[in-house]
Amino acid sequence: MRIVIAGGHGRIALRLERLLAGRGDEVAGIVRKAEQAEDLRAAGAEPVVLDLESASVEEVAERLRGADAAVFAAGAGPGSGVGRKNTVDKGAAVLFADASVRAGVRRLVVVSSMGADPDHPGQEVFDVYLRAKGEADAYVRGLDSLDWTILRPGLLTDDPGTGLVRLEARTGRGSVPRDDVAAVLAELVDTPATAGLTLELISGSAPVSVAVKSVAGN
């Protein structure tokens, strides 16, 4: 498979690139800065330098053409302000989804956030973030020409992955290592039967492959 990842230098994305490349997939990661390219090559991915905050739909679609699947893993990051929550966490996600449609890439997996809600109240930065993520998710859900899956992890940690997770429509609050988020994403990309699902993810007791097969069978 050829898989294109938006936000290719993110901490989840780099882990995902290593997993996908390690199993023999062809992986490309979209990054904003040329100096990030070497880290992607070390992870086994082809770097594609493109700023999703200023690119056009056609420019992104050109990078997506020929892909079997796309993953949106971009984010403005914890140090960013309100403006970039809207331009990256919402705007870039919408742009990437539209570009996937234009490029004919049906399979799209989106990394969202637990608590994402287009009607989330409040004006603090984290409130705006959850609202932006929720608005992006709602937009993706409205695109009938995509086989989308939305993944909403709990509190992210850099603890070593255990390979044991809880993946359901509603899990309740909890944490999850980025290693395990990447493992679930790799499995979701390969499981089109999860299309149309919005799933929450925390650490749990089910092996990743079992957890994904379980939701795919529901």
Protein backbone atom coordinates (compact mmCIF):
# COMPACT_ATOMS: atom_id res chain seq x y z
CA MET A 1 0.00 0.00 0.00
CA ARG A 2 0.97 3.61 -0.50
CA ILE A 3 -0.06 5.74 2.48
CA VAL A 4 0.27 9.52 2.79
CA ILE A 5 0.36 11.02 6.29
CA ALA A 6 -0.38 14.68 7.04
CA GLY A 7 1.63 15.99 9.97
CA GLY A 8 4.42 13.57 9.12
CA HIS A 9 6.86 14.87 11.75
CA GLY A 10 4.46 14.52 14.67
CA ARG A 11 5.24 12.14 17.51
CA ILE A 12 2.44 9.76 16.54
CA ALA A 13 3.15 10.08 12.82
CA LEU A 14 6.86 9.19 13.11
CA ARG A 15 5.94 6.06 15.06
CA LEU A 16 3.30 5.19 12.46
CA GLU A 17 5.76 5.71 9.60
CA ARG A 18 8.21 3.27 11.19
CA LEU A 19 5.48 0.66 11.61
CA LEU A 20 4.15 1.02 8.07
CA ALA A 21 7.58 1.08 6.44
CA GLY A 22 8.64 -1.88 8.57
CA ARG A 23 5.83 -4.02 7.21
CA GLY A 24 6.64 -3.08 3.63
CA ASP A 25 4.24 -0.23 2.87
CA GLU A 26 5.28 2.78 0.82
CA VAL A 27 4.90 5.80 3.11
CA ALA A 28 5.01 9.54 2.48
CA GLY A 29 4.77 12.17 5.19
CA ILE A 30 3.74 15.77 4.61
CA VAL A 31 5.87 18.17 6.66
CA ARG A 32 5.99 21.95 6.94
CA LYS A 33 9.76 22.40 7.23
CA ALA A 34 12.50 21.03 4.98
CA GLU A 35 14.74 20.42 8.00
CA GLN A 36 12.28 17.78 9.21
CA ALA A 37 12.87 15.64 6.13
CA GLU A 38 15.81 13.65 7.50
CA ASP A 39 13.80 12.42 10.48
CA LEU A 40 11.17 11.05 8.08
CA ARG A 41 13.79 9.31 5.96
CA ALA A 42 15.17 7.71 9.13
CA ALA A 43 11.66 6.43 9.86
CA GLY A 44 11.43 4.93 6.38
CA ALA A 45 9.12 7.57 4.91
CA GLU A 46 9.40 9.84 1.90
CA PRO A 47 9.26 13.49 3.05
CA VAL A 48 6.90 15.83 1.20
CA VAL A 49 7.42 19.49 2.12
CA LEU A 50 4.12 21.36 1.99
CA ASP A 51 2.49 23.84 4.38
CA LEU A 52 -1.11 22.75 4.92
CA GLU A 53 -1.98 26.19 6.29
CA SER A 54 -1.27 27.87 2.96
CA ALA A 55 -1.56 25.08 0.35
CA SER A 56 -4.47 24.80 -2.06
CA VAL A 57 -6.71 21.76 -2.35
CA GLU A 58 -5.14 20.95 -5.70
CA GLU A 59 -1.59 21.17 -4.31
CA VAL A 60 -2.46 18.68 -1.57
CA ALA A 61 -4.40 16.45 -3.97
CA GLU A 62 -1.35 16.27 -6.23
CA ARG A 63 0.64 14.75 -3.33
CA LEU A 64 -2.17 12.32 -2.60
CA ARG A 65 -2.73 10.95 -6.09
CA GLY A 66 -1.88 7.27 -6.35
CA ALA A 67 -2.22 6.66 -2.61
CA ASP A 68 -4.28 3.76 -1.29
CA ALA A 69 -4.96 5.50 2.02
CA ALA A 70 -4.40 8.79 3.81
CA VAL A 71 -3.94 9.58 7.49
CA PHE A 72 -4.49 13.02 9.02
CA ALA A 73 -2.19 13.27 12.03
CA ALA A 74 -1.38 16.98 11.92
CA GLY A 75 -1.93 19.31 14.84
CA ALA A 76 -1.02 22.83 15.87
CA GLY A 77 0.63 21.50 19.03
CA PRO A 78 0.26 22.35 22.73
CA GLY A 79 2.18 25.63 22.51
CA SER A 80 0.01 27.16 19.79
CA GLY A 81 -2.66 29.78 20.21
CA VAL A 82 -6.32 29.97 19.30
CA GLY A 83 -5.68 30.98 15.68
CA ARG A 84 -3.71 27.88 14.76
CA LYS A 85 -6.26 25.57 16.37
CA ASN A 86 -8.62 26.80 13.65
CA THR A 87 -6.11 26.87 10.79
CA VAL A 88 -4.50 23.48 11.52
CA ASP A 89 -6.72 21.32 13.72
CA LYS A 90 -9.79 22.34 11.74
CA GLY A 91 -8.68 24.02 8.51
CA ALA A 92 -5.92 21.62 7.53
CA ALA A 93 -8.11 18.61 8.36
CA VAL A 94 -10.89 19.92 6.10
CA LEU A 95 -8.36 20.71 3.36
CA PHE A 96 -6.82 17.23 3.58
CA ALA A 97 -10.23 15.56 3.40
CA ASP A 98 -11.23 17.64 0.38
CA ALA A 99 -7.91 16.86 -1.28
CA SER A 100 -8.41 13.14 -0.63
CA VAL A 101 -11.74 13.34 -2.43
CA ARG A 102 -10.22 15.22 -5.35
CA ALA A 103 -7.31 12.76 -5.60
CA GLY A 104 -9.63 9.75 -5.53
CA VAL A 105 -8.27 8.39 -2.25
CA ARG A 106 -11.25 6.78 -0.53
CA ARG A 107 -9.64 5.53 2.69
CA LEU A 108 -9.03 8.28 5.25
CA VAL A 109 -8.15 7.83 8.91
CA VAL A 110 -8.28 10.96 11.07
CA VAL A 111 -6.52 11.41 14.42
CA SER A 112 -8.90 13.51 16.49
CA SER A 113 -9.15 13.90 20.26
CA MET A 114 -11.32 12.52 23.02
CA GLY A 115 -13.85 15.22 23.90
CA ALA A 116 -13.88 16.75 20.41
CA ASP A 117 -17.25 18.43 19.93
CA PRO A 118 -18.33 21.19 17.52
CA ASP A 119 -20.56 22.54 20.30
CA HIS A 120 -17.94 22.45 23.04
CA PRO A 121 -18.35 25.62 25.16
CA GLY A 122 -15.67 28.01 26.39
CA GLN A 123 -13.00 30.30 24.97
CA GLU A 124 -9.81 28.95 26.53
CA VAL A 125 -7.26 27.53 24.09
CA PHE A 126 -8.16 23.93 24.91
CA ASP A 127 -11.86 24.70 24.46
CA VAL A 128 -11.15 26.11 21.01
CA TYR A 129 -9.04 23.04 20.23
CA LEU A 130 -11.82 20.60 21.13
CA ARG A 131 -14.32 22.65 19.15
CA ALA A 132 -12.00 22.82 16.11
CA LYS A 133 -11.41 19.07 16.22
CA GLY A 134 -15.15 18.47 16.57
CA GLU A 135 -15.95 20.73 13.61
CA ALA A 136 -13.34 18.95 11.48
CA ASP A 137 -14.73 15.55 12.45
CA ALA A 138 -18.26 16.65 11.57
CA TYR A 139 -17.08 17.85 8.17
CA VAL A 140 -15.34 14.55 7.41
CA ARG A 141 -18.43 12.60 8.45
CA GLY A 142 -20.42 14.49 5.83
CA LEU A 143 -18.25 13.32 2.93
CA ASP A 144 -19.96 10.31 1.39
CA SER A 145 -17.13 9.78 -1.08
CA LEU A 146 -14.67 8.87 1.70
CA ASP A 147 -14.36 5.66 3.68
CA TRP A 148 -13.39 7.53 6.84
CA THR A 149 -12.56 6.38 10.33
CA ILE A 150 -12.08 8.90 13.13
CA LEU A 151 -9.85 7.91 16.06
CA ARG A 152 -10.12 9.85 19.33
CA PRO A 153 -7.30 8.90 21.72
CA GLY A 154 -7.35 9.77 25.40
CA LEU A 155 -4.49 11.51 27.19
CA LEU A 156 -1.34 10.83 25.18
CA THR A 157 1.83 9.63 26.93
CA ASP A 158 5.33 8.70 25.85
CA ASP A 159 5.33 5.55 27.97
CA PRO A 160 6.38 2.40 26.09
CA GLY A 161 3.47 0.81 24.28
CA THR A 162 1.92 -2.31 25.74
CA GLY A 163 -0.01 -3.40 22.65
CA LEU A 164 -3.10 -3.67 24.87
CA VAL A 165 -5.92 -1.19 24.32
CA ARG A 166 -9.60 -0.41 24.73
CA LEU A 167 -11.15 0.73 21.46
CA GLU A 168 -14.87 1.51 21.47
CA ALA A 169 -17.38 4.15 20.49
CA ARG A 170 -17.23 5.31 24.13
CA THR A 171 -14.42 4.25 26.45
CA GLY A 172 -14.54 6.89 29.17
CA ARG A 173 -11.50 8.94 30.13
CA GLY A 174 -8.05 7.41 30.24
CA SER A 175 -4.52 7.62 28.87
CA VAL A 176 -2.76 5.78 26.08
CA PRO A 177 0.87 5.63 24.91
CA ARG A 178 1.60 7.15 21.51
CA ASP A 179 3.19 3.81 20.55
CA ASP A 180 -0.21 2.14 20.92
CA VAL A 181 -2.03 4.92 19.05
CA ALA A 182 0.33 4.38 16.11
CA ALA A 183 -0.23 0.62 16.25
CA VAL A 184 -4.00 1.11 16.18
CA LEU A 185 -3.73 3.54 13.26
CA ALA A 186 -1.66 1.04 11.28
CA GLU A 187 -4.32 -1.60 11.89
CA LEU A 188 -7.19 0.76 11.02
CA VAL A 189 -5.60 1.71 7.70
CA ASP A 190 -5.71 -1.99 6.83
CA THR A 191 -9.28 -2.49 8.05
CA PRO A 192 -11.77 -0.75 5.73
CA ALA A 193 -14.61 -2.45 7.63
CA THR A 194 -14.12 0.28 10.27
CA ALA A 195 -15.25 2.94 7.78
CA GLY A 196 -17.96 5.20 9.16
CA LEU A 197 -16.90 4.71 12.79
CA THR A 198 -15.78 7.27 15.35
CA LEU A 199 -13.75 5.44 17.99
CA GLU A 200 -12.26 6.36 21.34
CA LEU A 201 -8.97 4.80 22.42
CA ILE A 202 -7.34 4.29 25.81
CA SER A 203 -5.10 1.64 27.31
CA GLY A 204 -6.91 -1.60 28.05
CA SER A 205 -6.67 -5.38 27.94
CA ALA A 206 -7.27 -6.28 24.27
CA PRO A 207 -4.41 -6.78 21.81
CA VAL A 208 -4.50 -4.10 19.10
CA SER A 209 -5.46 -6.45 16.28
CA VAL A 210 -8.22 -8.02 18.36
CA ALA A 211 -9.59 -4.62 19.39
CA VAL A 212 -9.76 -3.42 15.79
CA LYS A 213 -11.34 -6.64 14.52
CA SER A 214 -13.92 -6.41 17.31
CA VAL A 215 -15.15 -2.94 16.32
CA ALA A 216 -15.01 -3.84 12.64
CA GLY A 217 -17.35 -6.73 13.31
CA ASN A 218 -19.99 -4.65 15.09
